[in-house]
Amino acid sequence: MFPKVPDQHKAGQPLIPNGLGVFYVLFTTVYLFSVYFIGVDRAANGVSASLTLAACILFGGFMGLLDDWMDLKWRYKAFMPLIAALPLIHFALGNPLTRTSISLPIVGLIQFGDAYYFLIIPLIVMIVTNTVNQLGGLNGLETVCPAIVLIGLTALSSQLFQLLMLGPLILWVILLVLNIQGKIFVGNTGSFAIGMTIASFAVITDLKSSLLISILPYVFNSVLILSAILFLKKRASLSFDGKRLVSDHKRSLATLIAYKRPLTERKLVTIISFLFVFFTLLAVFVEFF
């Protein structure tokens, strides 16, 4: 049913089903609509958190599906998430509790006013979705890291929002286990959908500061990748000798860690995952203290 792609970091490059992130999109959409229709999430002022989140995830999954089918160029992928910001803008405008400011450590409170709706929300969606999508290529990397960020944000949210994330997180963890074992790839469908989930959930729950701290490894990885492409005209890549991965350059987070230091795929993914654990815990600490 699903196209198979070679697992380039396994001996013999076995063919693995790709694009199974579509199950996350379908299940999450049905789950969120069900939460709304049973009356758990009541719409206020014409806006609903569950329906807004479902709309954003649907578009994220559709965008990823297009990329899996057509291999979209980055100039299109970079700006397409802006369309998914429209439901979030509508939600924020209709929610009287929306704060148009962001509080950052050291910097303090930054007030954006109306620019928050039409500039900051689209930027959050565009940056988070694309940076999440750019960190991948290794078994578990596309699933473990966003799960860590999302679990952190969920833990900081209210009981209602925790309920909204319960179903999506359970399904994503199932995909995560299969992905770590090298049995499936979630594909761009999954990475775009989970990136959209993180961005949308942070905006809806007003956890923007926690989001910015949690995704610092994503941002750092994207800065390295884009700098190498713009200034060196070269892309990041890992060499595989049949057992371990190594790199002779520093053009991404993975190649920086594996620079002249051979590591197994599992160990490299574990190191990167612990970076996300550290920054997510830091975000939780900052939120509480």
Protein backbone atom coordinates (compact mmCIF):
# COMPACT_ATOMS: atom_id res chain seq x y z
CA MET A 1 0.00 0.00 0.00
CA PHE A 2 2.87 2.39 0.76
CA PRO A 3 5.89 3.19 -1.41
CA LYS A 4 9.11 1.70 -0.10
CA VAL A 5 12.38 3.57 0.14
CA PRO A 6 15.86 2.25 1.03
CA ASP A 7 17.08 2.63 4.60
CA GLN A 8 20.44 4.14 3.70
CA HIS A 9 21.92 3.67 7.15
CA LYS A 10 21.34 -0.06 7.39
CA ALA A 11 23.50 -2.81 5.92
CA GLY A 12 22.07 -3.87 2.56
CA GLN A 13 19.77 -0.83 2.48
CA PRO A 14 16.50 -2.74 3.07
CA LEU A 15 13.31 -1.24 1.64
CA ILE A 16 11.07 0.33 4.27
CA PRO A 17 7.43 1.53 3.88
CA ASN A 18 7.35 5.32 3.78
CA GLY A 19 4.63 7.89 4.53
CA LEU A 20 2.91 6.12 7.41
CA GLY A 21 2.53 9.48 9.10
CA VAL A 22 -0.78 9.62 7.22
CA PHE A 23 -2.21 7.39 9.97
CA TYR A 24 -1.33 10.09 12.49
CA VAL A 25 -3.14 12.70 10.41
CA LEU A 26 -6.28 10.60 9.96
CA PHE A 27 -6.47 9.34 13.55
CA THR A 28 -5.74 12.74 15.07
CA THR A 29 -8.37 14.46 12.94
CA VAL A 30 -11.06 11.92 13.88
CA TYR A 31 -10.04 12.09 17.54
CA LEU A 32 -10.17 15.90 17.70
CA PHE A 33 -13.52 16.06 15.91
CA SER A 34 -14.85 13.44 18.34
CA VAL A 35 -13.68 15.49 21.32
CA TYR A 36 -15.56 18.46 19.91
CA PHE A 37 -18.79 16.61 19.08
CA ILE A 38 -19.12 14.90 22.46
CA GLY A 39 -19.03 18.35 24.02
CA VAL A 40 -15.72 18.20 25.88
CA ASP A 41 -14.36 21.20 23.99
CA ARG A 42 -17.04 23.87 23.80
CA ALA A 43 -16.59 26.57 21.17
CA ALA A 44 -16.28 30.06 22.61
CA ASN A 45 -17.00 33.12 20.45
CA GLY A 46 -17.20 30.90 17.41
CA VAL A 47 -13.76 29.31 17.88
CA SER A 48 -12.85 25.82 19.02
CA ALA A 49 -9.40 24.64 20.07
CA SER A 50 -9.98 21.07 18.88
CA LEU A 51 -11.34 22.03 15.45
CA THR A 52 -8.61 24.64 14.96
CA LEU A 53 -5.95 22.09 15.82
CA ALA A 54 -7.54 19.50 13.51
CA ALA A 55 -7.62 21.96 10.60
CA CYS A 56 -3.94 22.83 11.04
CA ILE A 57 -2.86 19.18 11.28
CA LEU A 58 -4.90 18.29 8.20
CA PHE A 59 -3.12 20.95 6.18
CA GLY A 60 0.27 19.92 7.56
CA GLY A 61 -0.38 16.32 6.55
CA PHE A 62 -1.62 17.36 3.11
CA MET A 63 1.47 19.49 2.55
CA GLY A 64 3.73 16.60 3.59
CA LEU A 65 1.82 14.22 1.34
CA LEU A 66 2.39 16.55 -1.60
CA ASP A 67 6.09 16.59 -0.78
CA ASP A 68 6.23 12.78 -0.56
CA TRP A 69 4.55 12.53 -3.96
CA MET A 70 6.10 15.46 -5.83
CA ASP A 71 9.34 16.23 -3.93
CA LEU A 72 8.50 19.93 -3.57
CA LYS A 73 11.29 22.49 -3.76
CA TRP A 74 12.19 24.22 -0.52
CA ARG A 75 11.04 27.60 -1.75
CA TYR A 76 7.50 26.18 -1.84
CA LYS A 77 7.75 24.15 1.37
CA ALA A 78 9.09 27.14 3.28
CA PHE A 79 6.01 29.30 2.73
CA MET A 80 3.17 26.80 2.33
CA PRO A 81 2.65 26.48 6.12
CA LEU A 82 1.58 30.12 6.15
CA ILE A 83 -1.81 29.00 4.84
CA ALA A 84 -2.26 26.80 7.91
CA ALA A 85 -1.80 29.87 10.09
CA LEU A 86 -5.24 31.15 9.05
CA PRO A 87 -7.23 28.91 11.47
CA LEU A 88 -4.85 29.92 14.27
CA ILE A 89 -5.28 33.62 13.50
CA HIS A 90 -9.06 33.14 13.58
CA PHE A 91 -8.78 31.30 16.89
CA ALA A 92 -6.55 33.96 18.45
CA LEU A 93 -8.76 36.84 17.29
CA GLY A 94 -11.86 35.17 18.72
CA ASN A 95 -10.29 34.12 22.01
CA PRO A 96 -10.46 36.90 24.63
CA LEU A 97 -7.71 35.20 26.66
CA THR A 98 -5.15 35.47 23.86
CA ARG A 99 -2.02 37.33 24.94
CA THR A 100 -0.28 39.25 22.17
CA SER A 101 3.02 39.21 24.01
CA ILE A 102 5.88 36.78 24.47
CA SER A 103 7.96 36.58 27.64
CA LEU A 104 11.58 35.55 27.13
CA PRO A 105 14.30 34.82 29.70
CA ILE A 106 16.70 37.77 30.17
CA VAL A 107 14.90 39.79 27.45
CA GLY A 108 11.64 40.05 29.39
CA LEU A 109 8.15 40.75 28.03
CA ILE A 110 7.83 41.68 24.35
CA GLN A 111 4.47 43.17 23.35
CA PHE A 112 3.51 42.78 19.67
CA GLY A 113 -0.04 44.13 19.66
CA ASP A 114 -1.96 43.43 16.44
CA ALA A 115 1.27 42.31 14.75
CA TYR A 116 1.03 39.16 16.86
CA TYR A 117 -1.99 37.93 14.87
CA PHE A 118 -0.78 38.67 11.36
CA LEU A 119 3.01 38.41 11.69
CA ILE A 120 4.09 36.40 14.73
CA ILE A 121 1.60 33.53 14.42
CA PRO A 122 2.45 32.92 10.73
CA LEU A 123 6.17 33.08 11.56
CA ILE A 124 5.76 30.56 14.40
CA VAL A 125 3.91 28.15 12.10
CA MET A 126 6.38 28.56 9.23
CA ILE A 127 9.54 28.28 11.33
CA VAL A 128 8.46 25.40 13.57
CA THR A 129 6.99 23.28 10.76
CA ASN A 130 10.03 23.65 8.50
CA THR A 131 12.66 23.20 11.21
CA VAL A 132 10.97 20.02 12.42
CA ASN A 133 10.90 18.70 8.87
CA GLN A 134 14.60 19.45 8.34
CA LEU A 135 15.79 17.25 11.20
CA GLY A 136 15.45 13.70 9.92
CA GLY A 137 17.13 10.96 7.95
CA LEU A 138 17.84 8.61 10.85
CA ASN A 139 15.57 6.01 12.41
CA GLY A 140 13.81 7.62 15.34
CA LEU A 141 15.00 11.17 14.72
CA GLU A 142 11.79 12.29 13.01
CA THR A 143 9.60 10.82 15.73
CA VAL A 144 11.43 10.92 19.07
CA CYS A 145 12.46 14.61 19.02
CA PRO A 146 9.00 16.09 18.27
CA ALA A 147 7.45 13.69 20.79
CA ILE A 148 9.74 15.07 23.51
CA VAL A 149 8.79 18.68 22.69
CA LEU A 150 5.09 17.86 22.50
CA ILE A 151 5.10 15.93 25.78
CA GLY A 152 6.74 18.93 27.46
CA LEU A 153 4.15 21.36 26.10
CA THR A 154 1.32 19.02 27.04
CA ALA A 155 2.60 18.72 30.60
CA LEU A 156 2.51 22.52 30.93
CA SER A 157 -1.04 22.88 29.60
CA SER A 158 -4.44 22.62 31.29
CA GLN A 159 -6.43 19.39 31.62
CA LEU A 160 -8.59 20.21 28.60
CA PHE A 161 -5.59 20.68 26.34
CA GLN A 162 -3.95 17.58 27.79
CA LEU A 163 -7.05 15.67 26.72
CA LEU A 164 -6.73 17.09 23.20
CA MET A 165 -3.17 15.72 22.98
CA LEU A 166 -3.82 12.36 24.63
CA GLY A 167 -4.97 10.54 21.47
CA PRO A 168 -2.40 12.12 19.11
CA LEU A 169 0.46 11.37 21.50
CA ILE A 170 -0.55 7.72 21.93
CA LEU A 171 -0.71 7.17 18.17
CA TRP A 172 2.55 9.04 17.61
CA VAL A 173 4.35 6.92 20.23
CA ILE A 174 3.19 3.77 18.39
CA LEU A 175 4.67 5.14 15.16
CA LEU A 176 7.77 6.17 17.11
CA VAL A 177 8.42 2.62 18.33
CA LEU A 178 8.06 1.21 14.82
CA ASN A 179 10.27 3.96 13.40
CA ILE A 180 13.04 3.36 15.94
CA GLN A 181 13.01 -0.33 15.04
CA GLY A 182 13.46 0.58 11.37
CA LYS A 183 10.12 -0.93 10.33
CA ILE A 184 8.49 2.25 9.00
CA PHE A 185 9.19 5.86 8.01
CA VAL A 186 6.61 8.53 8.81
CA GLY A 187 7.78 10.51 5.77
CA ASN A 188 7.20 14.19 5.12
CA THR A 189 3.50 13.54 5.78
CA GLY A 190 4.29 12.71 9.37
CA SER A 191 7.04 15.28 9.97
CA PHE A 192 5.01 18.18 8.58
CA ALA A 193 1.92 17.07 10.49
CA ILE A 194 3.75 16.73 13.82
CA GLY A 195 5.54 20.04 13.23
CA MET A 196 2.19 21.70 12.61
CA THR A 197 0.85 20.04 15.76
CA ILE A 198 3.64 21.51 17.88
CA ALA A 199 3.29 25.02 16.44
CA SER A 200 -0.51 25.07 16.62
CA PHE A 201 -0.70 23.56 20.10
CA ALA A 202 1.81 26.12 21.44
CA VAL A 203 -0.21 29.01 20.01
CA ILE A 204 -3.57 27.64 21.20
CA THR A 205 -2.27 26.97 24.74
CA ASP A 206 -0.31 30.24 24.85
CA LEU A 207 2.96 28.39 25.54
CA LYS A 208 4.97 30.37 23.03
CA SER A 209 7.92 31.01 25.34
CA SER A 210 8.20 27.32 26.23
CA LEU A 211 8.00 26.47 22.54
CA LEU A 212 10.86 28.80 21.62
CA ILE A 213 13.14 27.24 24.23
CA SER A 214 12.17 23.64 23.41
CA ILE A 215 12.86 23.96 19.68
CA LEU A 216 16.31 25.57 19.99
CA PRO A 217 18.02 22.35 18.72
CA TYR A 218 15.70 22.42 15.69
CA VAL A 219 16.55 26.06 15.00
CA PHE A 220 20.28 25.43 15.41
CA ASN A 221 20.11 22.49 12.99
CA SER A 222 18.28 24.57 10.37
CA VAL A 223 20.74 27.47 10.72
CA LEU A 224 23.63 25.08 10.03
CA ILE A 225 21.88 23.51 7.04
CA LEU A 226 20.78 26.80 5.47
CA SER A 227 24.19 28.44 6.06
CA ALA A 228 25.94 25.57 4.29
CA ILE A 229 23.54 25.74 1.35
CA LEU A 230 23.63 29.54 0.99
CA PHE A 231 27.34 30.15 1.55
CA LEU A 232 29.03 26.86 0.67
CA LYS A 233 26.50 25.54 -1.86
CA LYS A 234 26.81 22.15 -0.15
CA ARG A 235 24.42 19.89 1.72
CA ALA A 236 24.92 17.89 4.89
CA SER A 237 25.56 14.15 4.57
CA LEU A 238 26.70 11.26 6.72
CA SER A 239 29.02 8.46 5.58
CA PHE A 240 28.04 4.92 6.51
CA ASP A 241 30.60 2.09 6.66
CA GLY A 242 28.05 -0.65 7.31
CA LYS A 243 28.08 -0.23 11.08
CA ARG A 244 28.70 3.37 12.03
CA LEU A 245 28.04 6.89 10.79
CA VAL A 246 30.67 9.60 10.50
CA SER A 247 31.00 13.03 8.93
CA ASP A 248 33.89 15.14 7.63
CA HIS A 249 31.97 18.42 7.89
CA LYS A 250 29.65 20.38 10.23
CA ARG A 251 26.64 21.30 8.11
CA SER A 252 23.84 20.02 10.37
CA LEU A 253 23.27 18.99 13.96
CA ALA A 254 23.84 15.32 13.12
CA THR A 255 27.03 15.94 11.12
CA LEU A 256 28.35 18.24 13.86
CA ILE A 257 27.96 15.51 16.49
CA ALA A 258 29.37 12.82 14.19
CA TYR A 259 32.23 15.03 12.93
CA LYS A 260 35.31 12.73 12.83
CA ARG A 261 33.61 10.65 15.51
CA PRO A 262 32.07 7.40 14.22
CA LEU A 263 28.79 6.58 15.95
CA THR A 264 26.09 3.99 15.47
CA GLU A 265 22.76 5.30 14.22
CA ARG A 266 21.08 4.49 17.53
CA LYS A 267 23.77 6.30 19.55
CA LEU A 268 23.64 9.39 17.32
CA VAL A 269 19.83 9.58 17.63
CA THR A 270 20.12 9.12 21.41
CA ILE A 271 22.56 12.04 21.75
CA ILE A 272 20.33 14.35 19.72
CA SER A 273 17.26 13.20 21.67
CA PHE A 274 18.96 14.07 24.96
CA LEU A 275 19.56 17.57 23.64
CA PHE A 276 15.82 17.91 23.18
CA VAL A 277 15.18 16.49 26.65
CA PHE A 278 17.53 19.11 28.12
CA PHE A 279 15.95 22.08 26.35
CA THR A 280 12.41 20.86 26.98
CA LEU A 281 13.13 20.46 30.68
CA LEU A 282 14.69 23.94 30.61
CA ALA A 283 11.46 25.27 29.08
CA VAL A 284 9.43 23.58 31.83
CA PHE A 285 11.75 25.05 34.48
CA VAL A 286 11.49 28.57 33.03
CA GLU A 287 7.68 28.29 32.80
CA PHE A 288 7.35 27.38 36.47
CA PHE A 289 10.07 29.61 37.91
